[in-house]
């Protein structure tokens, strides 16, 4: 059984006004979760991206930065970008 969501990174919901990313650093990758936030403070998990590579290597962080600079077309017009990100390296 495959469940599909009515929204995602390629299909931003129209009530998403702010976009944030949470990142988790692992030994061989950085996992990034993209979340859209509504005016009421509800969250919409839009997608999850994995950047493979050692967190001690600059190319890994360049790819993370590239992910954080992505732009997403909003259905009401305009573009959403990442407003805030937090990376847990602990």
Protein backbone atom coordinates (compact mmCIF):
# COMPACT_ATOMS: atom_id res chain seq x y z
CA UNK A 1 0.00 0.00 0.00
CA UNK A 2 1.49 3.31 -1.07
CA UNK A 3 0.16 6.44 0.59
CA UNK A 4 0.39 9.72 -1.26
CA UNK A 5 0.25 13.16 0.25
CA UNK A 6 -1.61 16.01 -1.36
CA UNK A 7 1.51 18.16 -0.94
CA UNK A 8 5.31 18.02 -0.95
CA UNK A 9 8.35 19.93 -2.14
CA UNK A 10 7.08 19.81 -5.71
CA UNK A 11 3.55 20.71 -4.61
CA UNK A 12 3.67 23.31 -1.82
CA UNK A 13 0.29 23.66 -0.04
CA UNK A 14 -1.29 27.08 -0.46
CA UNK A 15 -1.53 27.61 3.32
CA UNK A 16 2.25 27.22 3.79
CA UNK A 17 3.68 30.68 4.36
CA UNK A 18 7.07 29.98 5.96
CA UNK A 19 9.59 27.26 5.13
CA UNK A 20 12.08 25.84 7.63
CA UNK A 21 14.57 22.99 7.57
CA UNK A 22 15.77 20.75 10.38
CA UNK A 23 19.02 18.89 9.84
CA UNK A 24 20.55 15.92 11.61
CA UNK A 25 24.26 15.15 11.16
CA UNK A 26 25.26 11.48 11.03
CA UNK A 27 28.66 9.86 10.41
CA UNK A 28 28.13 9.49 6.67
CA UNK A 29 25.34 11.94 5.85
CA UNK A 30 23.25 14.97 6.77
CA UNK A 31 19.49 14.42 6.79
CA UNK A 32 17.31 17.47 6.06
CA UNK A 33 13.57 17.74 6.70
CA UNK A 34 11.70 20.57 4.97
CA UNK A 35 8.62 21.90 6.83
CA UNK A 36 6.02 24.44 5.73
CA UNK A 37 4.26 26.50 8.41
CA UNK A 38 0.75 27.96 8.22
CA UNK A 39 -0.53 31.23 9.64
CA UNK A 40 -2.09 29.24 12.49
CA UNK A 41 1.26 27.61 13.36
CA UNK A 42 0.41 24.21 11.89
CA UNK A 43 3.27 22.37 10.26
CA UNK A 44 3.31 20.50 6.97
CA UNK A 45 6.22 18.11 6.47
CA UNK A 46 7.02 18.69 2.81
CA UNK A 47 10.02 16.48 2.21
CA UNK A 48 13.16 14.80 3.40
CA UNK A 49 16.51 14.96 1.62
CA UNK A 50 19.68 13.05 2.44
CA UNK A 51 23.07 14.56 1.66
CA UNK A 52 25.55 11.71 1.59
CA UNK A 53 29.12 12.40 2.67
CA UNK A 54 31.30 12.92 5.68
CA UNK A 55 30.42 15.93 7.84
CA UNK A 56 34.15 16.63 8.08
CA UNK A 57 34.42 17.25 4.32
CA UNK A 58 33.61 20.63 2.73
CA UNK A 59 31.77 19.13 -0.31
CA UNK A 60 29.15 17.68 2.06
CA UNK A 61 28.45 21.11 3.52
CA UNK A 62 28.40 22.70 0.06
CA UNK A 63 25.63 20.28 -0.91
CA UNK A 64 23.76 21.06 2.33
CA UNK A 65 24.06 24.76 1.52
CA UNK A 66 22.76 24.10 -2.00
CA UNK A 67 19.73 22.34 -0.50
CA UNK A 68 19.09 25.28 1.84
CA UNK A 69 19.21 27.74 -1.08
CA UNK A 70 16.53 25.94 -3.09
CA UNK A 71 13.46 27.84 -4.20
CA UNK A 72 9.93 26.46 -4.35
CA UNK A 73 7.05 27.82 -6.42
CA UNK A 74 4.07 28.76 -4.24
CA UNK A 75 0.61 27.96 -5.69
CA UNK A 76 -0.62 31.52 -4.96
CA UNK A 77 2.29 32.95 -6.93
CA UNK A 78 5.79 33.82 -5.90
CA UNK A 79 8.53 31.68 -4.50
CA UNK A 80 9.26 30.27 -1.04
CA UNK A 81 12.81 29.99 0.22
CA UNK A 82 14.13 28.58 3.47
CA UNK A 83 13.46 31.16 6.18
CA UNK A 84 15.34 29.35 8.95
CA UNK A 85 17.33 26.18 9.45
CA UNK A 86 18.72 24.36 12.44
CA UNK A 87 21.37 21.66 12.27
CA UNK A 88 21.84 19.18 15.14
CA UNK A 89 25.43 18.05 15.17
CA UNK A 90 25.31 16.58 18.67
